[in-house]
N, C-alpha and C. Protein backbone atom coordinates (compact mmCIF):
# COMPACT_ATOMS: atom_id res chain seq x y z
N MET A 1 -14.68 88.09 -65.15
CA MET A 1 -15.05 89.49 -64.99
C MET A 1 -16.46 89.55 -64.39
N SER A 2 -16.65 90.39 -63.44
CA SER A 2 -17.94 90.49 -62.76
C SER A 2 -18.91 91.35 -63.55
N LEU A 3 -20.18 91.23 -63.20
CA LEU A 3 -21.22 92.03 -63.82
C LEU A 3 -20.93 93.52 -63.63
N LEU A 4 -20.50 93.88 -62.44
CA LEU A 4 -20.19 95.28 -62.15
C LEU A 4 -19.04 95.78 -63.01
N GLU A 5 -18.02 94.95 -63.23
CA GLU A 5 -16.89 95.35 -64.06
C GLU A 5 -17.31 95.55 -65.52
N THR A 6 -18.15 94.68 -66.04
CA THR A 6 -18.60 94.86 -67.43
C THR A 6 -19.50 96.08 -67.54
N GLN A 7 -20.31 96.32 -66.52
CA GLN A 7 -21.17 97.52 -66.53
C GLN A 7 -20.30 98.78 -66.53
N LEU A 8 -19.26 98.79 -65.72
CA LEU A 8 -18.34 99.93 -65.67
C LEU A 8 -17.62 100.11 -67.01
N GLU A 9 -17.19 99.00 -67.62
CA GLU A 9 -16.54 99.08 -68.92
C GLU A 9 -17.48 99.69 -69.96
N ALA A 10 -18.74 99.27 -69.96
CA ALA A 10 -19.73 99.82 -70.91
C ALA A 10 -19.94 101.31 -70.65
N ARG A 11 -20.04 101.70 -69.38
CA ARG A 11 -20.23 103.11 -69.04
C ARG A 11 -19.03 103.95 -69.47
N ASN A 12 -17.83 103.44 -69.20
CA ASN A 12 -16.63 104.18 -69.60
C ASN A 12 -16.56 104.34 -71.11
N LEU A 13 -16.93 103.32 -71.83
CA LEU A 13 -16.91 103.41 -73.28
C LEU A 13 -17.94 104.42 -73.78
N LEU A 14 -19.12 104.43 -73.20
CA LEU A 14 -20.14 105.40 -73.60
C LEU A 14 -19.71 106.83 -73.31
N GLN A 15 -18.90 107.02 -72.26
CA GLN A 15 -18.39 108.35 -71.95
C GLN A 15 -17.47 108.88 -73.06
N LEU A 16 -16.89 107.96 -73.83
CA LEU A 16 -16.01 108.35 -74.95
C LEU A 16 -16.80 108.76 -76.19
N ARG A 17 -18.13 108.66 -76.12
CA ARG A 17 -19.03 109.02 -77.22
C ARG A 17 -18.70 108.25 -78.51
N PRO A 18 -18.80 106.93 -78.44
CA PRO A 18 -18.47 106.11 -79.62
C PRO A 18 -19.54 106.19 -80.70
N LEU A 19 -19.15 105.70 -81.86
CA LEU A 19 -20.11 105.51 -82.95
C LEU A 19 -20.52 104.05 -82.95
N PHE A 20 -21.66 103.76 -83.54
CA PHE A 20 -22.16 102.39 -83.63
C PHE A 20 -22.33 102.04 -85.10
N LEU A 21 -21.69 100.94 -85.50
CA LEU A 21 -21.66 100.55 -86.92
C LEU A 21 -22.20 99.13 -87.07
N HIS A 22 -22.97 98.95 -88.13
CA HIS A 22 -23.36 97.60 -88.52
C HIS A 22 -23.43 97.57 -90.04
N SER A 23 -23.01 96.45 -90.61
CA SER A 23 -23.11 96.30 -92.06
C SER A 23 -23.83 95.01 -92.40
N LYS A 24 -24.42 94.99 -93.56
CA LYS A 24 -24.98 93.78 -94.15
C LYS A 24 -24.05 93.42 -95.30
N THR A 25 -23.89 92.12 -95.55
CA THR A 25 -22.84 91.68 -96.46
C THR A 25 -23.35 90.72 -97.53
N THR A 26 -22.43 90.37 -98.43
CA THR A 26 -22.74 89.45 -99.52
C THR A 26 -22.91 88.01 -99.05
N GLY A 27 -22.44 87.70 -97.86
CA GLY A 27 -22.58 86.34 -97.33
C GLY A 27 -21.61 85.35 -97.92
N ALA A 28 -20.46 85.84 -98.36
CA ALA A 28 -19.48 84.99 -99.04
C ALA A 28 -18.34 84.55 -98.12
N ALA A 29 -18.63 84.37 -96.84
CA ALA A 29 -17.64 83.91 -95.85
C ALA A 29 -16.37 84.75 -95.89
N ASP A 30 -15.23 84.16 -96.24
CA ASP A 30 -13.97 84.89 -96.23
C ASP A 30 -13.88 85.98 -97.29
N LEU A 31 -14.80 85.97 -98.26
CA LEU A 31 -14.80 86.97 -99.32
C LEU A 31 -15.92 87.99 -99.15
N ASP A 32 -16.53 88.01 -97.97
CA ASP A 32 -17.65 88.89 -97.66
C ASP A 32 -17.35 90.34 -98.00
N GLU A 33 -18.34 91.04 -98.57
CA GLU A 33 -18.24 92.46 -98.85
C GLU A 33 -19.46 93.18 -98.29
N VAL A 34 -19.32 94.45 -98.02
CA VAL A 34 -20.41 95.28 -97.52
C VAL A 34 -21.41 95.55 -98.65
N VAL A 35 -22.71 95.35 -98.37
CA VAL A 35 -23.77 95.74 -99.30
C VAL A 35 -24.65 96.83 -98.69
N GLU A 36 -24.53 97.02 -97.38
CA GLU A 36 -25.23 98.12 -96.71
C GLU A 36 -24.46 98.43 -95.43
N ILE A 37 -24.31 99.72 -95.15
CA ILE A 37 -23.60 100.13 -93.95
C ILE A 37 -24.40 101.23 -93.27
N ALA A 38 -24.46 101.14 -91.94
CA ALA A 38 -25.11 102.18 -91.14
C ALA A 38 -24.19 102.55 -89.99
N ILE A 39 -24.11 103.84 -89.74
CA ILE A 39 -23.30 104.37 -88.63
C ILE A 39 -24.18 105.34 -87.86
N LEU A 40 -24.27 105.13 -86.55
CA LEU A 40 -25.06 105.99 -85.66
C LEU A 40 -24.13 106.69 -84.68
N ASP A 41 -24.53 107.88 -84.23
CA ASP A 41 -23.75 108.52 -83.17
C ASP A 41 -24.17 107.95 -81.83
N THR A 42 -23.57 108.42 -80.76
CA THR A 42 -23.82 107.88 -79.43
C THR A 42 -25.28 108.01 -79.03
N ALA A 43 -25.94 109.07 -79.48
CA ALA A 43 -27.35 109.28 -79.14
C ALA A 43 -28.29 108.43 -80.00
N GLY A 44 -27.74 107.78 -81.03
CA GLY A 44 -28.55 106.94 -81.90
C GLY A 44 -28.97 107.60 -83.19
N ALA A 45 -28.51 108.83 -83.43
CA ALA A 45 -28.86 109.52 -84.67
C ALA A 45 -28.05 108.94 -85.83
N PRO A 46 -28.69 108.71 -86.99
CA PRO A 46 -27.97 108.16 -88.13
C PRO A 46 -27.01 109.17 -88.75
N LEU A 47 -25.77 108.74 -88.96
CA LEU A 47 -24.77 109.56 -89.63
C LEU A 47 -24.55 109.05 -91.06
N ALA A 48 -24.78 107.76 -91.26
CA ALA A 48 -24.66 107.14 -92.58
C ALA A 48 -25.62 105.95 -92.63
N ASP A 49 -26.25 105.78 -93.76
CA ASP A 49 -27.16 104.66 -93.98
C ASP A 49 -27.20 104.45 -95.49
N GLU A 50 -26.29 103.61 -95.99
CA GLU A 50 -26.06 103.50 -97.43
C GLU A 50 -26.11 102.07 -97.93
N LEU A 51 -26.79 101.87 -99.05
CA LEU A 51 -26.62 100.64 -99.81
C LEU A 51 -25.34 100.77 -100.60
N VAL A 52 -24.66 99.66 -100.84
CA VAL A 52 -23.38 99.67 -101.56
C VAL A 52 -23.40 98.55 -102.59
N LYS A 53 -22.97 98.86 -103.81
CA LYS A 53 -22.88 97.83 -104.84
C LYS A 53 -21.55 97.09 -104.68
N PRO A 54 -21.61 95.79 -104.37
CA PRO A 54 -20.37 95.03 -104.20
C PRO A 54 -19.80 94.55 -105.53
N LYS A 55 -18.57 94.07 -105.52
CA LYS A 55 -17.97 93.48 -106.72
C LYS A 55 -18.60 92.13 -107.03
N ARG A 56 -18.91 91.37 -105.99
CA ARG A 56 -19.47 90.02 -106.15
C ARG A 56 -20.98 90.05 -105.93
N HIS A 57 -21.62 88.97 -106.34
CA HIS A 57 -23.07 88.84 -106.15
C HIS A 57 -23.39 88.56 -104.69
N ILE A 58 -24.59 88.97 -104.30
CA ILE A 58 -25.08 88.67 -102.96
C ILE A 58 -25.59 87.23 -102.96
N ARG A 59 -25.12 86.46 -102.02
CA ARG A 59 -25.53 85.05 -101.93
C ARG A 59 -26.99 84.95 -101.49
N PRO A 60 -27.71 83.95 -102.00
CA PRO A 60 -29.13 83.78 -101.61
C PRO A 60 -29.30 83.62 -100.09
N ASN A 61 -28.37 82.93 -99.43
CA ASN A 61 -28.50 82.76 -97.97
C ASN A 61 -28.39 84.10 -97.25
N ALA A 62 -27.60 85.03 -97.77
CA ALA A 62 -27.50 86.36 -97.16
C ALA A 62 -28.78 87.15 -97.40
N THR A 63 -29.32 87.07 -98.61
CA THR A 63 -30.58 87.75 -98.92
C THR A 63 -31.70 87.26 -98.01
N GLN A 64 -31.71 85.96 -97.71
CA GLN A 64 -32.73 85.42 -96.81
C GLN A 64 -32.64 86.05 -95.42
N VAL A 65 -31.44 86.46 -95.02
CA VAL A 65 -31.25 87.05 -93.70
C VAL A 65 -31.60 88.54 -93.69
N HIS A 66 -31.05 89.31 -94.66
CA HIS A 66 -31.22 90.76 -94.61
C HIS A 66 -32.16 91.33 -95.67
N GLY A 67 -32.55 90.53 -96.65
CA GLY A 67 -33.52 90.99 -97.64
C GLY A 67 -32.95 91.83 -98.76
N ILE A 68 -31.64 92.02 -98.81
CA ILE A 68 -31.02 92.86 -99.84
C ILE A 68 -30.63 91.97 -101.02
N THR A 69 -31.05 92.37 -102.21
CA THR A 69 -30.79 91.60 -103.42
C THR A 69 -29.82 92.34 -104.34
N ASP A 70 -29.30 91.61 -105.33
CA ASP A 70 -28.43 92.24 -106.33
C ASP A 70 -29.17 93.37 -107.05
N GLU A 71 -30.46 93.18 -107.30
CA GLU A 71 -31.26 94.20 -107.99
C GLU A 71 -31.36 95.48 -107.15
N MET A 72 -31.45 95.33 -105.86
CA MET A 72 -31.57 96.50 -104.97
C MET A 72 -30.30 97.34 -104.96
N VAL A 73 -29.14 96.71 -105.15
CA VAL A 73 -27.87 97.46 -105.10
C VAL A 73 -27.32 97.78 -106.48
N GLU A 74 -28.04 97.40 -107.52
CA GLU A 74 -27.56 97.60 -108.89
C GLU A 74 -27.19 99.07 -109.16
N LEU A 75 -28.01 100.00 -108.69
CA LEU A 75 -27.75 101.42 -108.93
C LEU A 75 -27.13 102.12 -107.72
N ALA A 76 -26.81 101.36 -106.69
CA ALA A 76 -26.18 101.93 -105.49
C ALA A 76 -24.73 102.32 -105.79
N PRO A 77 -24.19 103.26 -105.03
CA PRO A 77 -22.78 103.62 -105.22
C PRO A 77 -21.86 102.46 -104.86
N ARG A 78 -20.71 102.41 -105.51
CA ARG A 78 -19.70 101.41 -105.17
C ARG A 78 -19.01 101.85 -103.87
N TRP A 79 -18.25 100.92 -103.29
CA TRP A 79 -17.56 101.20 -102.02
C TRP A 79 -16.69 102.44 -102.12
N SER A 80 -15.97 102.60 -103.21
CA SER A 80 -15.08 103.76 -103.38
C SER A 80 -15.84 105.08 -103.31
N GLU A 81 -17.12 105.05 -103.67
CA GLU A 81 -17.93 106.27 -103.66
C GLU A 81 -18.44 106.61 -102.26
N VAL A 82 -18.71 105.62 -101.44
CA VAL A 82 -19.18 105.89 -100.07
C VAL A 82 -18.02 106.00 -99.09
N LEU A 83 -16.85 105.56 -99.52
CA LEU A 83 -15.68 105.52 -98.64
C LEU A 83 -15.29 106.86 -98.04
N PRO A 84 -15.29 107.97 -98.81
CA PRO A 84 -14.91 109.24 -98.17
C PRO A 84 -15.79 109.59 -96.97
N LYS A 85 -17.09 109.38 -97.08
CA LYS A 85 -18.00 109.67 -95.98
C LYS A 85 -17.73 108.72 -94.80
N VAL A 86 -17.54 107.43 -95.10
CA VAL A 86 -17.29 106.43 -94.06
C VAL A 86 -15.99 106.76 -93.32
N GLU A 87 -14.93 107.04 -94.06
CA GLU A 87 -13.65 107.36 -93.43
C GLU A 87 -13.73 108.65 -92.63
N ASP A 88 -14.43 109.65 -93.17
CA ASP A 88 -14.58 110.92 -92.45
C ASP A 88 -15.23 110.69 -91.09
N LEU A 89 -16.18 109.77 -91.03
CA LEU A 89 -16.87 109.46 -89.78
C LEU A 89 -16.02 108.59 -88.85
N LEU A 90 -15.27 107.62 -89.39
CA LEU A 90 -14.65 106.59 -88.56
C LEU A 90 -13.19 106.83 -88.17
N VAL A 91 -12.42 107.50 -89.00
CA VAL A 91 -10.99 107.65 -88.71
C VAL A 91 -10.79 108.37 -87.38
N GLY A 92 -10.04 107.72 -86.50
CA GLY A 92 -9.72 108.29 -85.20
C GLY A 92 -10.82 108.19 -84.16
N LYS A 93 -11.92 107.54 -84.50
CA LYS A 93 -13.05 107.43 -83.58
C LYS A 93 -13.14 106.02 -83.00
N ARG A 94 -13.73 105.91 -81.83
CA ARG A 94 -14.05 104.61 -81.23
C ARG A 94 -15.34 104.14 -81.89
N VAL A 95 -15.33 102.91 -82.38
CA VAL A 95 -16.47 102.38 -83.14
C VAL A 95 -16.92 101.07 -82.49
N CYS A 96 -18.16 101.04 -82.05
CA CYS A 96 -18.72 99.83 -81.46
C CYS A 96 -19.44 99.03 -82.53
N VAL A 97 -19.11 97.76 -82.59
CA VAL A 97 -19.75 96.82 -83.51
C VAL A 97 -20.14 95.61 -82.68
N TYR A 98 -20.97 94.74 -83.21
CA TYR A 98 -21.29 93.56 -82.42
C TYR A 98 -20.18 92.53 -82.54
N ASP A 99 -19.85 92.13 -83.75
CA ASP A 99 -18.82 91.12 -83.98
C ASP A 99 -17.69 91.77 -84.77
N SER A 100 -16.65 92.19 -84.08
CA SER A 100 -15.59 92.94 -84.75
C SER A 100 -14.88 92.12 -85.83
N ALA A 101 -14.72 90.82 -85.63
CA ALA A 101 -14.02 90.00 -86.63
C ALA A 101 -14.76 90.01 -87.95
N SER A 102 -16.07 89.79 -87.93
CA SER A 102 -16.81 89.75 -89.19
C SER A 102 -16.97 91.14 -89.80
N GLU A 103 -17.16 92.16 -88.97
CA GLU A 103 -17.27 93.53 -89.51
C GLU A 103 -15.97 93.97 -90.17
N LEU A 104 -14.85 93.72 -89.49
CA LEU A 104 -13.56 94.12 -90.06
C LEU A 104 -13.24 93.34 -91.33
N LEU A 105 -13.60 92.07 -91.38
CA LEU A 105 -13.38 91.26 -92.58
C LEU A 105 -14.13 91.85 -93.76
N ALA A 106 -15.41 92.15 -93.57
CA ALA A 106 -16.21 92.71 -94.66
C ALA A 106 -15.69 94.08 -95.09
N LEU A 107 -15.32 94.91 -94.13
CA LEU A 107 -14.78 96.23 -94.46
C LEU A 107 -13.47 96.09 -95.23
N ARG A 108 -12.57 95.26 -94.74
CA ARG A 108 -11.27 95.06 -95.41
C ARG A 108 -11.46 94.52 -96.84
N ASN A 109 -12.36 93.56 -97.00
CA ASN A 109 -12.60 93.02 -98.34
C ASN A 109 -13.16 94.08 -99.27
N SER A 110 -14.04 94.93 -98.77
CA SER A 110 -14.59 96.01 -99.59
C SER A 110 -13.49 96.99 -100.00
N TYR A 111 -12.62 97.31 -99.06
CA TYR A 111 -11.46 98.16 -99.38
C TYR A 111 -10.61 97.50 -100.46
N GLN A 112 -10.23 96.26 -100.22
CA GLN A 112 -9.32 95.55 -101.11
C GLN A 112 -9.91 95.35 -102.51
N ASN A 113 -11.17 94.95 -102.58
CA ASN A 113 -11.80 94.70 -103.88
C ASN A 113 -11.96 95.96 -104.72
N ASN A 114 -11.89 97.10 -104.09
CA ASN A 114 -12.01 98.37 -104.81
C ASN A 114 -10.68 99.11 -104.87
N HIS A 115 -9.60 98.41 -104.49
CA HIS A 115 -8.25 98.96 -104.56
C HIS A 115 -8.07 100.23 -103.74
N ASN A 116 -8.67 100.23 -102.55
CA ASN A 116 -8.53 101.34 -101.62
C ASN A 116 -7.56 100.94 -100.52
N ARG A 117 -6.77 101.91 -100.06
CA ARG A 117 -5.82 101.64 -98.98
C ARG A 117 -6.53 101.69 -97.64
N TRP A 118 -6.31 100.67 -96.81
CA TRP A 118 -6.91 100.57 -95.48
C TRP A 118 -6.32 101.65 -94.58
N VAL A 119 -7.15 102.53 -94.05
CA VAL A 119 -6.66 103.60 -93.18
C VAL A 119 -7.28 103.55 -91.78
N LEU A 120 -8.19 102.61 -91.57
CA LEU A 120 -8.84 102.51 -90.27
C LEU A 120 -7.94 101.74 -89.30
N ASP A 121 -8.05 102.07 -88.03
CA ASP A 121 -7.26 101.40 -86.99
C ASP A 121 -8.13 100.31 -86.36
N ASP A 122 -7.72 99.06 -86.53
CA ASP A 122 -8.47 97.93 -85.98
C ASP A 122 -8.71 98.08 -84.48
N ASP A 123 -7.77 98.69 -83.78
CA ASP A 123 -7.88 98.84 -82.33
C ASP A 123 -9.00 99.81 -81.92
N ASN A 124 -9.49 100.62 -82.86
CA ASN A 124 -10.58 101.54 -82.56
C ASN A 124 -11.95 100.85 -82.61
N PHE A 125 -11.98 99.61 -83.10
CA PHE A 125 -13.23 98.86 -83.18
C PHE A 125 -13.39 98.04 -81.90
N TYR A 126 -14.55 98.18 -81.30
CA TYR A 126 -14.82 97.52 -80.02
C TYR A 126 -15.92 96.49 -80.22
N SER A 127 -15.69 95.26 -79.80
CA SER A 127 -16.63 94.16 -80.00
C SER A 127 -17.59 94.02 -78.82
N LEU A 128 -18.85 94.31 -79.07
CA LEU A 128 -19.85 94.12 -78.03
C LEU A 128 -20.16 92.64 -77.81
N MET A 129 -19.87 91.79 -78.78
CA MET A 129 -20.06 90.35 -78.59
C MET A 129 -19.15 89.88 -77.45
N ASP A 130 -17.92 90.36 -77.45
CA ASP A 130 -16.98 89.99 -76.39
C ASP A 130 -17.43 90.54 -75.04
N LEU A 131 -17.87 91.80 -75.03
CA LEU A 131 -18.34 92.40 -73.78
C LEU A 131 -19.57 91.65 -73.26
N PHE A 132 -20.50 91.32 -74.17
CA PHE A 132 -21.70 90.61 -73.72
C PHE A 132 -21.35 89.22 -73.19
N SER A 133 -20.39 88.55 -73.80
CA SER A 133 -19.96 87.24 -73.30
C SER A 133 -19.44 87.35 -71.87
N ARG A 134 -18.68 88.40 -71.60
CA ARG A 134 -18.18 88.62 -70.24
C ARG A 134 -19.31 89.04 -69.30
N TYR A 135 -20.25 89.83 -69.81
CA TYR A 135 -21.40 90.27 -69.03
C TYR A 135 -22.25 89.07 -68.61
N LYS A 136 -22.52 88.19 -69.57
CA LYS A 136 -23.34 87.00 -69.31
C LYS A 136 -22.57 85.99 -68.46
N ASN A 137 -21.28 85.88 -68.71
CA ASN A 137 -20.36 85.05 -67.93
C ASN A 137 -20.80 83.59 -67.82
N GLU A 138 -21.22 83.01 -68.95
CA GLU A 138 -21.54 81.59 -68.99
C GLU A 138 -20.46 80.88 -69.79
N ARG A 139 -20.01 79.74 -69.28
CA ARG A 139 -18.90 79.02 -69.90
C ARG A 139 -19.34 77.67 -70.43
N ASP A 140 -18.64 77.22 -71.46
CA ASP A 140 -18.84 75.88 -71.98
C ASP A 140 -18.39 74.91 -70.90
N PRO A 141 -19.24 73.95 -70.54
CA PRO A 141 -18.88 73.05 -69.45
C PRO A 141 -17.63 72.21 -69.71
N ARG A 142 -17.38 71.90 -70.97
CA ARG A 142 -16.20 71.07 -71.28
C ARG A 142 -14.92 71.87 -71.38
N SER A 143 -14.96 72.98 -72.12
CA SER A 143 -13.73 73.73 -72.37
C SER A 143 -13.48 74.86 -71.37
N GLY A 144 -14.56 75.35 -70.75
CA GLY A 144 -14.42 76.47 -69.84
C GLY A 144 -14.36 77.82 -70.54
N ILE A 145 -14.49 77.81 -71.85
CA ILE A 145 -14.44 79.05 -72.64
C ILE A 145 -15.78 79.78 -72.53
N LEU A 146 -15.73 81.12 -72.45
CA LEU A 146 -16.96 81.90 -72.41
C LEU A 146 -17.78 81.64 -73.66
N LEU A 147 -19.07 81.50 -73.49
CA LEU A 147 -19.97 81.28 -74.62
C LEU A 147 -20.17 82.58 -75.39
N SER A 148 -20.36 82.46 -76.69
CA SER A 148 -20.68 83.61 -77.54
C SER A 148 -22.15 83.54 -77.89
N TYR A 149 -22.72 84.70 -78.16
CA TYR A 149 -24.15 84.80 -78.46
C TYR A 149 -24.34 85.64 -79.71
N THR A 150 -25.40 85.33 -80.45
CA THR A 150 -25.75 86.16 -81.60
C THR A 150 -26.30 87.49 -81.09
N LEU A 151 -26.39 88.43 -81.98
CA LEU A 151 -26.96 89.74 -81.63
C LEU A 151 -28.38 89.57 -81.12
N GLU A 152 -29.15 88.71 -81.77
CA GLU A 152 -30.54 88.48 -81.35
C GLU A 152 -30.61 87.85 -79.97
N GLU A 153 -29.75 86.86 -79.72
CA GLU A 153 -29.74 86.20 -78.41
C GLU A 153 -29.36 87.19 -77.31
N ALA A 154 -28.38 88.04 -77.58
CA ALA A 154 -27.96 89.03 -76.59
C ALA A 154 -29.09 90.01 -76.30
N ALA A 155 -29.77 90.48 -77.34
CA ALA A 155 -30.88 91.42 -77.15
C ALA A 155 -31.99 90.79 -76.33
N CYS A 156 -32.35 89.57 -76.65
CA CYS A 156 -33.41 88.87 -75.90
C CYS A 156 -33.00 88.66 -74.44
N ALA A 157 -31.74 88.30 -74.21
CA ALA A 157 -31.26 88.08 -72.84
C ALA A 157 -31.32 89.36 -72.01
N LEU A 158 -31.18 90.50 -72.66
CA LEU A 158 -31.22 91.78 -71.95
C LEU A 158 -32.63 92.38 -71.91
N GLY A 159 -33.59 91.66 -72.49
CA GLY A 159 -34.97 92.14 -72.47
C GLY A 159 -35.28 93.21 -73.50
N ILE A 160 -34.47 93.29 -74.54
CA ILE A 160 -34.72 94.27 -75.61
C ILE A 160 -35.62 93.60 -76.63
N ASP A 161 -36.75 94.21 -76.90
CA ASP A 161 -37.73 93.64 -77.83
C ASP A 161 -37.24 93.83 -79.25
N ILE A 162 -37.10 92.72 -79.96
CA ILE A 162 -36.65 92.80 -81.35
C ILE A 162 -37.64 92.13 -82.28
N GLU A 163 -38.89 92.45 -82.09
CA GLU A 163 -39.92 91.87 -82.95
C GLU A 163 -39.48 92.04 -84.40
N ILE A 164 -39.43 90.92 -85.10
CA ILE A 164 -38.96 90.95 -86.48
C ILE A 164 -40.14 90.86 -87.43
N ILE A 165 -40.28 91.89 -88.23
CA ILE A 165 -41.28 91.89 -89.29
C ILE A 165 -40.49 91.94 -90.58
N GLY A 166 -40.37 90.83 -91.26
CA GLY A 166 -39.56 90.78 -92.46
C GLY A 166 -38.09 90.70 -92.11
N TYR A 167 -37.32 91.70 -92.51
CA TYR A 167 -35.87 91.69 -92.34
C TYR A 167 -35.43 92.87 -91.50
N ARG A 168 -34.29 92.71 -90.82
CA ARG A 168 -33.65 93.84 -90.14
C ARG A 168 -32.50 94.31 -91.01
N ARG A 169 -32.47 95.57 -91.28
CA ARG A 169 -31.44 96.14 -92.11
C ARG A 169 -30.31 96.68 -91.23
N ALA A 170 -29.27 97.22 -91.85
CA ALA A 170 -28.08 97.67 -91.13
C ALA A 170 -28.41 98.73 -90.08
N ARG A 171 -29.28 99.66 -90.43
CA ARG A 171 -29.61 100.73 -89.48
C ARG A 171 -30.28 100.18 -88.22
N GLU A 172 -31.20 99.24 -88.39
CA GLU A 172 -31.87 98.64 -87.23
C GLU A 172 -30.88 97.87 -86.36
N ASP A 173 -29.95 97.17 -87.01
CA ASP A 173 -28.97 96.42 -86.22
C ASP A 173 -27.94 97.33 -85.56
N ALA A 174 -27.60 98.45 -86.18
CA ALA A 174 -26.71 99.42 -85.53
C ALA A 174 -27.42 99.98 -84.30
N TRP A 175 -28.71 100.25 -84.44
CA TRP A 175 -29.50 100.72 -83.30
C TRP A 175 -29.52 99.66 -82.20
N LEU A 176 -29.64 98.39 -82.59
CA LEU A 176 -29.67 97.30 -81.63
C LEU A 176 -28.32 97.16 -80.90
N VAL A 177 -27.23 97.35 -81.61
CA VAL A 177 -25.90 97.32 -80.99
C VAL A 177 -25.81 98.43 -79.94
N ARG A 178 -26.29 99.61 -80.29
CA ARG A 178 -26.30 100.72 -79.33
C ARG A 178 -27.18 100.40 -78.12
N ALA A 179 -28.34 99.82 -78.37
CA ALA A 179 -29.25 99.46 -77.28
C ALA A 179 -28.60 98.46 -76.32
N LEU A 180 -27.84 97.51 -76.86
CA LEU A 180 -27.13 96.55 -76.01
C LEU A 180 -26.14 97.26 -75.10
N MET A 181 -25.36 98.16 -75.68
CA MET A 181 -24.35 98.88 -74.90
C MET A 181 -24.99 99.70 -73.80
N VAL A 182 -26.03 100.44 -74.14
CA VAL A 182 -26.71 101.29 -73.17
C VAL A 182 -27.32 100.44 -72.05
N THR A 183 -27.91 99.30 -72.41
CA THR A 183 -28.52 98.42 -71.42
C THR A 183 -27.46 97.81 -70.51
N MET A 184 -26.35 97.33 -71.09
CA MET A 184 -25.29 96.76 -70.26
C MET A 184 -24.69 97.80 -69.32
N ALA A 185 -24.67 99.06 -69.77
CA ALA A 185 -24.14 100.14 -68.93
C ALA A 185 -25.10 100.49 -67.79
N GLY A 186 -26.34 100.04 -67.91
CA GLY A 186 -27.32 100.34 -66.87
C GLY A 186 -27.91 101.74 -67.00
N TRP A 187 -27.77 102.34 -68.18
CA TRP A 187 -28.35 103.66 -68.40
C TRP A 187 -29.85 103.52 -68.58
N LYS A 188 -30.58 104.50 -68.14
CA LYS A 188 -32.04 104.49 -68.26
C LYS A 188 -32.43 105.15 -69.58
N VAL A 189 -32.81 104.32 -70.53
CA VAL A 189 -33.25 104.81 -71.83
C VAL A 189 -34.50 104.04 -72.19
N TYR A 190 -35.45 104.73 -72.77
CA TYR A 190 -36.69 104.06 -73.18
C TYR A 190 -36.61 103.82 -74.67
N TYR A 191 -36.84 102.57 -75.07
CA TYR A 191 -36.72 102.19 -76.47
C TYR A 191 -38.05 102.27 -77.16
């Protein structure tokens, strides 16, 4: 896919006025749960920014990344309590995330661990990691497979300043996902 084609895809998606979602999780690999969720509208305004008390403990390696501890979420609402707001925002909407596989896994686990029925459509989630891989168009020399990049690597490659002071929380990363999309689309926005 050419640079122009990925730019057009990003522009077409932005025309649909998507939401931008990022979550921070317990760090439990296949058992990952949401501990913080942020949802922004197309303009970058926050629609949701919530800490969530998970069923399982937050792993120390996850805390090292996002700074959220079990103590911080002790009095936070459980997933079932934030779910009505999340579903009201997401059902039937196009949702941009960076890594759709990990975001959907954490969301599904949060649903399942709280005995909630999954009502979101996986096809409405759009992976910017995949779009950025096509945008960058660099392949592994041995396999020929497109390389994947972390959110930080993608931001740096596009010239988006992500000076890190301490930790980045869900809202900052949702903003960063939006900034990636806008930059790949070639829209003129000042950060």
